[in-house]
Amino acid sequence: MRLTKIIPKIFYEHIKDGLHLFVDGLKFKVVYNDAKLYIITRDDVTIQLLEDAEYAAKDRPEIRIETDDIEALYREVKQAHPDLLHPNLNVVKHQPWGLKEFALLDKTTVCVIIQQQ
């Protein structure tokens, strides 16, 4: 037996904020939605976005997504939505721990770090 995937659930007071980051900014596709739940995918990554003001007020997550072409993804985001680039990591940077990274930050302070080994 092996574990094959992790699927984060991210809460938003207003679901449009999460859709802006992931669907507009990172080009995820909506595969399911109802009044409060969106399931979105891109390649092998799946994320659940939920509209729930109570949970959204408690904590804002930081998640990492690994890619095999960080430069292409960075160009894609920078061209379409430079407003989403995190002010502290708004360029692709070689980190001392051996990864290349850049980060995104939405207006609710959900942080998404894109990384490549």
N, C-alpha and C. Protein backbone atom coordinates (compact mmCIF):
# COMPACT_ATOMS: atom_id res chain seq x y z
N MET A 1 0.83 -1.18 0.00
CA MET A 1 0.00 0.00 0.00
C MET A 1 0.88 1.25 0.00
N ARG A 2 0.43 2.29 -0.74
CA ARG A 2 1.15 3.55 -0.73
C ARG A 2 0.15 4.69 -0.80
N LEU A 3 0.54 5.83 -0.30
CA LEU A 3 -0.27 7.03 -0.43
C LEU A 3 0.05 7.65 -1.78
N THR A 4 -0.94 8.17 -2.45
CA THR A 4 -0.69 8.64 -3.81
C THR A 4 -0.96 10.12 -4.04
N LYS A 5 -1.69 10.79 -3.14
CA LYS A 5 -2.02 12.18 -3.40
C LYS A 5 -2.48 12.86 -2.12
N ILE A 6 -2.22 14.15 -2.00
CA ILE A 6 -2.79 14.95 -0.94
C ILE A 6 -3.68 16.00 -1.60
N ILE A 7 -4.87 16.20 -1.04
CA ILE A 7 -5.82 17.14 -1.62
C ILE A 7 -6.16 18.17 -0.55
N PRO A 8 -5.57 19.36 -0.64
CA PRO A 8 -5.87 20.38 0.38
C PRO A 8 -7.27 20.95 0.21
N LYS A 9 -7.82 21.37 1.32
CA LYS A 9 -9.11 22.05 1.35
C LYS A 9 -8.82 23.45 1.89
N ILE A 10 -9.18 24.46 1.12
CA ILE A 10 -8.89 25.84 1.49
C ILE A 10 -10.21 26.60 1.63
N PHE A 11 -10.38 27.25 2.78
CA PHE A 11 -11.61 27.99 3.06
C PHE A 11 -11.45 29.46 2.73
N TYR A 12 -12.50 30.02 2.14
CA TYR A 12 -12.55 31.44 1.79
C TYR A 12 -13.85 32.05 2.30
N GLU A 13 -13.76 33.29 2.75
CA GLU A 13 -14.98 34.02 3.07
C GLU A 13 -15.78 34.27 1.79
N HIS A 14 -15.07 34.63 0.73
CA HIS A 14 -15.67 34.85 -0.59
C HIS A 14 -14.96 33.94 -1.59
N ILE A 15 -15.64 32.98 -2.13
CA ILE A 15 -15.04 31.97 -3.02
C ILE A 15 -14.35 32.61 -4.22
N LYS A 16 -14.80 33.77 -4.67
CA LYS A 16 -14.19 34.43 -5.83
C LYS A 16 -12.71 34.74 -5.59
N ASP A 17 -12.31 34.94 -4.33
CA ASP A 17 -10.90 35.19 -4.04
C ASP A 17 -10.05 33.95 -4.34
N GLY A 18 -10.54 32.78 -3.98
CA GLY A 18 -9.82 31.55 -4.28
C GLY A 18 -9.82 31.23 -5.77
N LEU A 19 -10.93 31.50 -6.42
CA LEU A 19 -11.00 31.26 -7.87
C LEU A 19 -10.05 32.19 -8.61
N HIS A 20 -9.88 33.41 -8.13
CA HIS A 20 -8.94 34.33 -8.79
C HIS A 20 -7.51 33.78 -8.71
N LEU A 21 -7.11 33.31 -7.54
CA LEU A 21 -5.75 32.78 -7.37
C LEU A 21 -5.54 31.51 -8.20
N PHE A 22 -6.41 30.54 -8.05
CA PHE A 22 -6.15 29.24 -8.64
C PHE A 22 -6.65 29.10 -10.08
N VAL A 23 -7.84 29.57 -10.38
CA VAL A 23 -8.39 29.41 -11.72
C VAL A 23 -7.86 30.49 -12.66
N ASP A 24 -7.94 31.74 -12.25
CA ASP A 24 -7.42 32.82 -13.10
C ASP A 24 -5.89 32.81 -13.13
N GLY A 25 -5.27 32.77 -11.94
CA GLY A 25 -3.82 32.90 -11.85
C GLY A 25 -3.03 31.67 -12.25
N LEU A 26 -3.44 30.51 -11.76
CA LEU A 26 -2.69 29.28 -12.02
C LEU A 26 -3.35 28.38 -13.05
N LYS A 27 -4.45 28.80 -13.61
CA LYS A 27 -5.13 28.10 -14.72
C LYS A 27 -5.65 26.71 -14.35
N PHE A 28 -6.07 26.55 -13.09
CA PHE A 28 -6.77 25.33 -12.71
C PHE A 28 -8.13 25.33 -13.41
N LYS A 29 -8.69 24.16 -13.61
CA LYS A 29 -10.00 23.99 -14.22
C LYS A 29 -11.00 23.55 -13.15
N VAL A 30 -12.18 24.10 -13.20
CA VAL A 30 -13.24 23.71 -12.28
C VAL A 30 -13.85 22.41 -12.80
N VAL A 31 -13.80 21.35 -11.98
CA VAL A 31 -14.40 20.07 -12.37
C VAL A 31 -15.70 19.81 -11.64
N TYR A 32 -15.95 20.57 -10.58
CA TYR A 32 -17.21 20.46 -9.85
C TYR A 32 -17.42 21.75 -9.08
N ASN A 33 -18.68 22.19 -9.02
CA ASN A 33 -19.01 23.27 -8.11
C ASN A 33 -20.49 23.24 -7.75
N ASP A 34 -20.75 23.65 -6.52
CA ASP A 34 -22.11 23.88 -6.07
C ASP A 34 -22.10 25.24 -5.38
N ALA A 35 -23.02 25.49 -4.52
CA ALA A 35 -23.10 26.82 -3.90
C ALA A 35 -21.85 27.19 -3.09
N LYS A 36 -21.18 26.22 -2.48
CA LYS A 36 -20.06 26.54 -1.59
C LYS A 36 -18.78 25.78 -1.87
N LEU A 37 -18.81 24.73 -2.65
CA LEU A 37 -17.65 23.88 -2.87
C LEU A 37 -17.24 23.91 -4.34
N TYR A 38 -15.96 24.13 -4.57
CA TYR A 38 -15.37 24.02 -5.90
C TYR A 38 -14.27 22.99 -5.82
N ILE A 39 -14.26 22.03 -6.73
CA ILE A 39 -13.14 21.11 -6.87
C ILE A 39 -12.45 21.51 -8.17
N ILE A 40 -11.16 21.79 -8.06
CA ILE A 40 -10.39 22.29 -9.20
C ILE A 40 -9.19 21.39 -9.43
N THR A 41 -8.77 21.29 -10.70
CA THR A 41 -7.63 20.45 -11.03
C THR A 41 -6.76 21.12 -12.08
N ARG A 42 -5.51 20.76 -12.05
CA ARG A 42 -4.57 21.07 -13.13
C ARG A 42 -3.53 19.96 -13.11
N ASP A 43 -3.38 19.28 -14.22
CA ASP A 43 -2.48 18.13 -14.32
C ASP A 43 -2.84 17.11 -13.24
N ASP A 44 -1.92 16.76 -12.34
CA ASP A 44 -2.19 15.77 -11.30
C ASP A 44 -2.52 16.39 -9.95
N VAL A 45 -2.78 17.69 -9.91
CA VAL A 45 -3.06 18.39 -8.66
C VAL A 45 -4.56 18.67 -8.55
N THR A 46 -5.12 18.33 -7.40
CA THR A 46 -6.53 18.60 -7.09
C THR A 46 -6.59 19.41 -5.80
N ILE A 47 -7.47 20.42 -5.78
CA ILE A 47 -7.67 21.26 -4.60
C ILE A 47 -9.16 21.45 -4.42
N GLN A 48 -9.60 21.48 -3.17
CA GLN A 48 -10.98 21.82 -2.86
C GLN A 48 -11.02 23.23 -2.28
N LEU A 49 -11.87 24.08 -2.83
CA LEU A 49 -12.09 25.43 -2.32
C LEU A 49 -13.50 25.48 -1.74
N LEU A 50 -13.61 25.99 -0.53
CA LEU A 50 -14.91 26.05 0.12
C LEU A 50 -15.19 27.47 0.61
N GLU A 51 -16.42 27.91 0.43
CA GLU A 51 -16.82 29.21 0.96
C GLU A 51 -17.42 28.99 2.33
N ASP A 52 -16.71 29.46 3.35
CA ASP A 52 -17.16 29.35 4.73
C ASP A 52 -16.43 30.41 5.54
N ALA A 53 -17.12 31.50 5.84
CA ALA A 53 -16.50 32.65 6.50
C ALA A 53 -15.93 32.28 7.87
N GLU A 54 -16.60 31.42 8.61
CA GLU A 54 -16.13 31.05 9.95
C GLU A 54 -14.77 30.37 9.89
N TYR A 55 -14.62 29.37 9.03
CA TYR A 55 -13.34 28.67 8.90
C TYR A 55 -12.28 29.55 8.25
N ALA A 56 -12.67 30.37 7.31
CA ALA A 56 -11.72 31.25 6.62
C ALA A 56 -11.08 32.23 7.59
N ALA A 57 -11.80 32.63 8.60
CA ALA A 57 -11.29 33.61 9.57
C ALA A 57 -10.26 33.00 10.53
N LYS A 58 -10.21 31.69 10.63
CA LYS A 58 -9.35 31.04 11.61
C LYS A 58 -7.89 30.98 11.21
N ASP A 59 -7.59 30.66 9.96
CA ASP A 59 -6.20 30.45 9.58
C ASP A 59 -6.09 30.47 8.06
N ARG A 60 -5.02 31.03 7.56
CA ARG A 60 -4.78 31.07 6.12
C ARG A 60 -3.63 30.12 5.82
N PRO A 61 -3.83 29.19 4.91
CA PRO A 61 -2.81 28.15 4.66
C PRO A 61 -1.68 28.61 3.75
N GLU A 62 -0.60 27.87 3.83
CA GLU A 62 0.49 27.95 2.86
C GLU A 62 0.62 26.55 2.27
N ILE A 63 0.56 26.48 0.94
CA ILE A 63 0.70 25.19 0.29
C ILE A 63 1.82 25.27 -0.74
N ARG A 64 2.36 24.12 -1.08
CA ARG A 64 3.41 24.03 -2.10
C ARG A 64 2.90 23.17 -3.25
N ILE A 65 3.23 23.61 -4.46
CA ILE A 65 2.92 22.83 -5.65
C ILE A 65 4.23 22.66 -6.41
N GLU A 66 4.55 21.42 -6.75
CA GLU A 66 5.78 21.15 -7.49
C GLU A 66 5.48 21.09 -8.98
N THR A 67 6.39 21.63 -9.76
CA THR A 67 6.27 21.64 -11.21
C THR A 67 7.57 21.12 -11.83
N ASP A 68 7.50 20.74 -13.08
CA ASP A 68 8.71 20.32 -13.79
C ASP A 68 9.23 21.42 -14.72
N ASP A 69 8.57 22.59 -14.75
CA ASP A 69 9.03 23.72 -15.57
C ASP A 69 8.63 25.02 -14.89
N ILE A 70 9.36 25.38 -13.85
CA ILE A 70 9.02 26.55 -13.04
C ILE A 70 9.11 27.85 -13.84
N GLU A 71 10.06 27.93 -14.76
CA GLU A 71 10.21 29.15 -15.56
C GLU A 71 8.98 29.40 -16.43
N ALA A 72 8.45 28.37 -17.04
CA ALA A 72 7.26 28.52 -17.89
C ALA A 72 6.05 28.93 -17.06
N LEU A 73 5.86 28.31 -15.90
CA LEU A 73 4.73 28.64 -15.04
C LEU A 73 4.86 30.07 -14.51
N TYR A 74 6.09 30.45 -14.15
CA TYR A 74 6.32 31.82 -13.68
C TYR A 74 5.95 32.83 -14.77
N ARG A 75 6.39 32.59 -15.99
CA ARG A 75 6.06 33.51 -17.10
C ARG A 75 4.55 33.59 -17.30
N GLU A 76 3.89 32.45 -17.22
CA GLU A 76 2.43 32.39 -17.40
C GLU A 76 1.72 33.27 -16.36
N VAL A 77 2.10 33.10 -15.09
CA VAL A 77 1.47 33.87 -14.02
C VAL A 77 1.84 35.35 -14.12
N LYS A 78 3.11 35.63 -14.34
CA LYS A 78 3.56 37.03 -14.39
C LYS A 78 2.87 37.79 -15.52
N GLN A 79 2.68 37.15 -16.64
CA GLN A 79 2.03 37.81 -17.77
C GLN A 79 0.54 38.04 -17.51
N ALA A 80 -0.14 37.05 -16.99
CA ALA A 80 -1.60 37.14 -16.84
C ALA A 80 -2.04 37.82 -15.54
N HIS A 81 -1.32 37.57 -14.44
CA HIS A 81 -1.75 38.07 -13.13
C HIS A 81 -0.55 38.43 -12.24
N PRO A 82 0.21 39.44 -12.60
CA PRO A 82 1.36 39.82 -11.76
C PRO A 82 0.94 40.25 -10.36
N ASP A 83 -0.32 40.65 -10.19
CA ASP A 83 -0.83 41.05 -8.87
C ASP A 83 -0.81 39.90 -7.88
N LEU A 84 -0.74 38.67 -8.35
CA LEU A 84 -0.73 37.51 -7.46
C LEU A 84 0.67 37.13 -6.97
N LEU A 85 1.71 37.69 -7.56
CA LEU A 85 3.08 37.35 -7.12
C LEU A 85 3.32 37.88 -5.70
N HIS A 86 3.86 37.01 -4.87
CA HIS A 86 4.13 37.35 -3.46
C HIS A 86 5.23 38.41 -3.40
N PRO A 87 5.04 39.46 -2.60
CA PRO A 87 6.07 40.51 -2.55
C PRO A 87 7.43 40.02 -2.03
N ASN A 88 7.47 38.96 -1.26
CA ASN A 88 8.73 38.46 -0.72
C ASN A 88 9.41 37.42 -1.59
N LEU A 89 8.73 36.92 -2.62
CA LEU A 89 9.32 35.89 -3.49
C LEU A 89 8.66 35.99 -4.87
N ASN A 90 8.82 37.15 -5.49
CA ASN A 90 8.12 37.45 -6.74
C ASN A 90 8.94 37.17 -7.99
N VAL A 91 10.07 36.48 -7.82
CA VAL A 91 10.89 36.01 -8.94
C VAL A 91 11.30 34.57 -8.63
N VAL A 92 11.70 33.84 -9.66
CA VAL A 92 12.20 32.48 -9.43
C VAL A 92 13.56 32.59 -8.75
N LYS A 93 13.69 31.95 -7.62
CA LYS A 93 14.91 32.05 -6.81
C LYS A 93 15.44 30.65 -6.51
N HIS A 94 16.76 30.49 -6.64
CA HIS A 94 17.41 29.24 -6.21
C HIS A 94 17.61 29.33 -4.71
N GLN A 95 16.98 28.45 -3.98
CA GLN A 95 17.04 28.47 -2.52
C GLN A 95 18.23 27.65 -2.01
N PRO A 96 18.74 27.97 -0.82
CA PRO A 96 19.87 27.22 -0.27
C PRO A 96 19.56 25.74 -0.05
N TRP A 97 18.30 25.38 0.09
CA TRP A 97 17.93 23.98 0.31
C TRP A 97 17.76 23.21 -0.99
N GLY A 98 18.15 23.82 -2.11
CA GLY A 98 18.25 23.10 -3.37
C GLY A 98 17.05 23.22 -4.30
N LEU A 99 16.04 23.95 -3.93
CA LEU A 99 14.86 24.11 -4.79
C LEU A 99 14.87 25.45 -5.50
N LYS A 100 14.22 25.51 -6.65
CA LYS A 100 13.89 26.78 -7.27
C LYS A 100 12.45 27.07 -6.87
N GLU A 101 12.16 28.33 -6.48
CA GLU A 101 10.84 28.67 -5.98
C GLU A 101 10.42 30.07 -6.41
N PHE A 102 9.12 30.26 -6.52
CA PHE A 102 8.50 31.58 -6.48
C PHE A 102 7.17 31.39 -5.77
N ALA A 103 6.54 32.50 -5.34
CA ALA A 103 5.34 32.37 -4.53
C ALA A 103 4.25 33.32 -5.01
N LEU A 104 3.03 32.91 -4.68
CA LEU A 104 1.84 33.72 -4.95
C LEU A 104 1.13 33.99 -3.63
N LEU A 105 0.43 35.11 -3.59
CA LEU A 105 -0.30 35.49 -2.39
C LEU A 105 -1.59 36.15 -2.83
N ASP A 106 -2.72 35.61 -2.34
CA ASP A 106 -3.98 36.27 -2.69
C ASP A 106 -4.34 37.30 -1.62
N LYS A 107 -5.42 38.03 -1.84
CA LYS A 107 -5.75 39.13 -0.93
C LYS A 107 -6.20 38.64 0.44
N THR A 108 -6.47 37.34 0.59
CA THR A 108 -6.82 36.79 1.90
C THR A 108 -5.60 36.21 2.62
N THR A 109 -4.43 36.31 2.02
CA THR A 109 -3.12 35.83 2.48
C THR A 109 -2.93 34.32 2.39
N VAL A 110 -3.65 33.66 1.50
CA VAL A 110 -3.31 32.27 1.17
C VAL A 110 -2.03 32.35 0.33
N CYS A 111 -1.02 31.61 0.75
CA CYS A 111 0.28 31.61 0.07
C CYS A 111 0.47 30.28 -0.65
N VAL A 112 0.82 30.36 -1.93
CA VAL A 112 1.12 29.19 -2.73
C VAL A 112 2.56 29.31 -3.19
N ILE A 113 3.39 28.38 -2.78
CA ILE A 113 4.78 28.36 -3.21
C ILE A 113 4.90 27.34 -4.33
N ILE A 114 5.41 27.80 -5.46
CA ILE A 114 5.66 26.91 -6.59
C ILE A 114 7.12 26.50 -6.51
N GLN A 115 7.40 25.22 -6.61
CA GLN A 115 8.77 24.75 -6.48
C GLN A 115 9.14 23.77 -7.57
N GLN A 116 10.45 23.71 -7.82
CA GLN A 116 11.01 22.72 -8.75
C GLN A 116 12.32 22.24 -8.15
N GLN A 117 12.53 20.91 -8.20
CA GLN A 117 13.79 20.35 -7.69
C GLN A 117 14.88 20.51 -8.69
